[in-house]
Amino acid sequence: MNIWQEKREDGKLIWTSRAKIQDFSDSVEDISFCPKVYGLKLAATTLNGRMKIFEPTDYANNINWYIFYHK
């Protein structure tokens, strides 16, 4: 799963890859960021019904993410 950042430069949208999360053994079916009030977290569900919540190890660059919760 890749995390991309969208920027607008000179009137054009530019997408930059910010992170790649490879902690899945099955296809990712849905992802969602949590509300801003809870901090930067990303939830992902897979085809086999598993859910993982990720949080960046370094909020300054958001490159490395770790599993915050797994069910």
N, C-alpha and C. Protein backbone atom coordinates (compact mmCIF):
# COMPACT_ATOMS: atom_id res chain seq x y z
N MET A 1 0.86 -1.16 0.00
CA MET A 1 0.00 0.00 0.00
C MET A 1 0.91 1.23 0.00
N ASN A 2 0.65 2.14 -0.91
CA ASN A 2 1.43 3.38 -1.00
C ASN A 2 0.63 4.55 -0.45
N ILE A 3 1.34 5.48 0.18
CA ILE A 3 0.73 6.73 0.64
C ILE A 3 1.32 7.84 -0.20
N TRP A 4 0.44 8.61 -0.83
CA TRP A 4 0.84 9.68 -1.74
C TRP A 4 0.45 11.03 -1.16
N GLN A 5 1.23 12.05 -1.50
CA GLN A 5 0.92 13.41 -1.09
C GLN A 5 0.60 14.23 -2.34
N GLU A 6 -0.50 14.97 -2.27
CA GLU A 6 -0.92 15.81 -3.38
C GLU A 6 -0.47 17.25 -3.11
N LYS A 7 0.17 17.86 -4.12
CA LYS A 7 0.57 19.27 -4.03
C LYS A 7 0.15 19.97 -5.31
N ARG A 8 -0.10 21.27 -5.19
CA ARG A 8 -0.41 22.06 -6.37
C ARG A 8 0.77 23.01 -6.61
N GLU A 9 1.38 22.86 -7.79
CA GLU A 9 2.51 23.72 -8.17
C GLU A 9 2.25 24.28 -9.56
N ASP A 10 2.31 25.58 -9.67
CA ASP A 10 2.08 26.25 -10.95
C ASP A 10 0.77 25.83 -11.60
N GLY A 11 -0.26 25.65 -10.78
CA GLY A 11 -1.58 25.29 -11.29
C GLY A 11 -1.75 23.82 -11.64
N LYS A 12 -0.71 23.02 -11.43
CA LYS A 12 -0.79 21.59 -11.73
C LYS A 12 -0.76 20.78 -10.44
N LEU A 13 -1.47 19.65 -10.45
CA LEU A 13 -1.42 18.74 -9.31
C LEU A 13 -0.23 17.80 -9.48
N ILE A 14 0.56 17.70 -8.43
CA ILE A 14 1.73 16.82 -8.44
C ILE A 14 1.59 15.84 -7.28
N TRP A 15 1.77 14.56 -7.58
CA TRP A 15 1.67 13.51 -6.58
C TRP A 15 3.07 12.99 -6.27
N THR A 16 3.38 12.90 -4.98
CA THR A 16 4.68 12.41 -4.52
C THR A 16 4.46 11.23 -3.59
N SER A 17 5.17 10.14 -3.84
CA SER A 17 5.08 8.98 -2.96
C SER A 17 5.76 9.31 -1.63
N ARG A 18 5.02 9.14 -0.52
CA ARG A 18 5.55 9.48 0.80
C ARG A 18 5.93 8.25 1.62
N ALA A 19 5.24 7.13 1.40
CA ALA A 19 5.52 5.92 2.19
C ALA A 19 4.98 4.71 1.47
N LYS A 20 5.55 3.56 1.80
CA LYS A 20 5.07 2.29 1.29
C LYS A 20 4.94 1.34 2.48
N ILE A 21 3.73 0.84 2.69
CA ILE A 21 3.46 -0.08 3.80
C ILE A 21 3.27 -1.47 3.22
N GLN A 22 4.06 -2.44 3.70
CA GLN A 22 4.02 -3.79 3.14
C GLN A 22 3.63 -4.83 4.18
N ASP A 23 2.87 -4.48 5.18
CA ASP A 23 2.49 -5.39 6.26
C ASP A 23 1.18 -6.13 5.99
N PHE A 24 0.95 -6.54 4.75
CA PHE A 24 -0.30 -7.20 4.41
C PHE A 24 -0.04 -8.53 3.71
N SER A 25 -0.80 -9.55 4.08
CA SER A 25 -0.71 -10.84 3.41
C SER A 25 -1.86 -11.04 2.43
N ASP A 26 -2.82 -10.10 2.40
CA ASP A 26 -3.98 -10.18 1.52
C ASP A 26 -4.23 -8.81 0.89
N SER A 27 -5.12 -8.75 -0.08
CA SER A 27 -5.43 -7.50 -0.77
C SER A 27 -6.07 -6.48 0.17
N VAL A 28 -5.62 -5.23 0.08
CA VAL A 28 -6.23 -4.13 0.84
C VAL A 28 -7.51 -3.73 0.12
N GLU A 29 -8.62 -3.72 0.87
CA GLU A 29 -9.93 -3.42 0.29
C GLU A 29 -10.37 -1.98 0.55
N ASP A 30 -9.98 -1.40 1.68
CA ASP A 30 -10.44 -0.06 2.03
C ASP A 30 -9.43 0.58 2.97
N ILE A 31 -9.24 1.89 2.84
CA ILE A 31 -8.38 2.65 3.74
C ILE A 31 -9.09 3.94 4.14
N SER A 32 -8.70 4.47 5.30
CA SER A 32 -9.28 5.74 5.74
C SER A 32 -8.37 6.36 6.79
N PHE A 33 -8.20 7.67 6.71
CA PHE A 33 -7.49 8.41 7.75
C PHE A 33 -8.48 8.76 8.84
N CYS A 34 -8.01 8.78 10.08
CA CYS A 34 -8.89 9.13 11.19
C CYS A 34 -9.08 10.65 11.24
N PRO A 35 -10.06 11.13 12.01
CA PRO A 35 -10.25 12.57 12.16
C PRO A 35 -8.99 13.23 12.73
N LYS A 36 -8.72 14.43 12.30
CA LYS A 36 -7.50 15.16 12.66
C LYS A 36 -7.30 15.27 14.18
N VAL A 37 -8.38 15.35 14.93
CA VAL A 37 -8.31 15.51 16.38
C VAL A 37 -7.60 14.33 17.05
N TYR A 38 -7.59 13.14 16.41
CA TYR A 38 -6.95 11.95 16.98
C TYR A 38 -5.51 11.76 16.52
N GLY A 39 -5.00 12.65 15.74
CA GLY A 39 -3.64 12.53 15.24
C GLY A 39 -3.63 11.83 13.89
N LEU A 40 -2.44 11.65 13.36
CA LEU A 40 -2.29 11.05 12.04
C LEU A 40 -2.27 9.53 12.16
N LYS A 41 -3.37 8.91 11.79
CA LYS A 41 -3.49 7.45 11.80
C LYS A 41 -4.23 7.03 10.53
N LEU A 42 -3.91 5.84 10.06
CA LEU A 42 -4.50 5.30 8.85
C LEU A 42 -5.01 3.89 9.13
N ALA A 43 -6.28 3.64 8.86
CA ALA A 43 -6.86 2.31 9.04
C ALA A 43 -6.99 1.65 7.67
N ALA A 44 -6.68 0.35 7.64
CA ALA A 44 -6.80 -0.41 6.41
C ALA A 44 -7.45 -1.76 6.71
N THR A 45 -8.38 -2.16 5.85
CA THR A 45 -9.00 -3.48 5.97
C THR A 45 -8.63 -4.30 4.74
N THR A 46 -8.58 -5.62 4.94
CA THR A 46 -8.18 -6.50 3.86
C THR A 46 -9.32 -7.43 3.46
N LEU A 47 -9.12 -8.12 2.36
CA LEU A 47 -10.11 -9.04 1.82
C LEU A 47 -10.45 -10.15 2.81
N ASN A 48 -9.48 -10.56 3.64
CA ASN A 48 -9.73 -11.63 4.61
C ASN A 48 -10.35 -11.13 5.92
N GLY A 49 -10.76 -9.86 5.97
CA GLY A 49 -11.46 -9.33 7.13
C GLY A 49 -10.58 -8.75 8.22
N ARG A 50 -9.30 -8.67 8.01
CA ARG A 50 -8.39 -8.11 9.01
C ARG A 50 -8.38 -6.59 8.92
N MET A 51 -8.09 -5.96 10.07
CA MET A 51 -7.96 -4.50 10.11
C MET A 51 -6.66 -4.15 10.81
N LYS A 52 -5.95 -3.17 10.27
CA LYS A 52 -4.74 -2.66 10.88
C LYS A 52 -4.80 -1.16 10.91
N ILE A 53 -4.33 -0.58 12.00
CA ILE A 53 -4.25 0.87 12.11
C ILE A 53 -2.77 1.23 12.21
N PHE A 54 -2.35 2.15 11.37
CA PHE A 54 -0.95 2.55 11.29
C PHE A 54 -0.77 3.99 11.77
N GLU A 55 0.42 4.25 12.28
CA GLU A 55 0.79 5.59 12.73
C GLU A 55 2.24 5.82 12.32
N PRO A 56 2.61 7.04 11.89
CA PRO A 56 4.00 7.27 11.49
C PRO A 56 4.94 7.24 12.70
N THR A 57 6.16 6.78 12.48
CA THR A 57 7.16 6.79 13.55
C THR A 57 7.72 8.19 13.75
N ASP A 58 7.67 9.00 12.70
CA ASP A 58 8.19 10.37 12.75
C ASP A 58 7.17 11.28 12.07
N TYR A 59 6.50 12.10 12.85
CA TYR A 59 5.45 12.95 12.29
C TYR A 59 5.99 14.03 11.35
N ALA A 60 7.28 14.32 11.42
CA ALA A 60 7.85 15.37 10.58
C ALA A 60 7.91 14.97 9.11
N ASN A 61 8.22 13.68 8.84
CA ASN A 61 8.36 13.30 7.42
C ASN A 61 7.38 12.21 6.98
N ASN A 62 6.74 11.51 7.91
CA ASN A 62 5.70 10.51 7.59
C ASN A 62 6.15 9.43 6.62
N ILE A 63 7.42 9.08 6.64
CA ILE A 63 7.92 8.06 5.71
C ILE A 63 7.75 6.66 6.27
N ASN A 64 8.09 6.45 7.53
CA ASN A 64 8.00 5.12 8.14
C ASN A 64 6.77 5.05 9.03
N TRP A 65 5.97 4.00 8.82
CA TRP A 65 4.75 3.80 9.58
C TRP A 65 4.84 2.48 10.34
N TYR A 66 4.25 2.41 11.51
CA TYR A 66 4.23 1.16 12.26
C TYR A 66 2.78 0.79 12.59
N ILE A 67 2.57 -0.48 12.96
CA ILE A 67 1.23 -0.94 13.29
C ILE A 67 0.88 -0.49 14.69
N PHE A 68 -0.12 0.37 14.79
CA PHE A 68 -0.60 0.90 16.05
C PHE A 68 -1.61 -0.07 16.69
N TYR A 69 -2.39 -0.74 15.85
CA TYR A 69 -3.43 -1.66 16.30
C TYR A 69 -3.66 -2.70 15.21
N HIS A 70 -3.90 -3.94 15.64
CA HIS A 70 -4.13 -5.02 14.67
C HIS A 70 -5.24 -5.93 15.20
N LYS A 71 -6.22 -6.21 14.37
CA LYS A 71 -7.32 -7.10 14.77
C LYS A 71 -7.57 -8.11 13.69
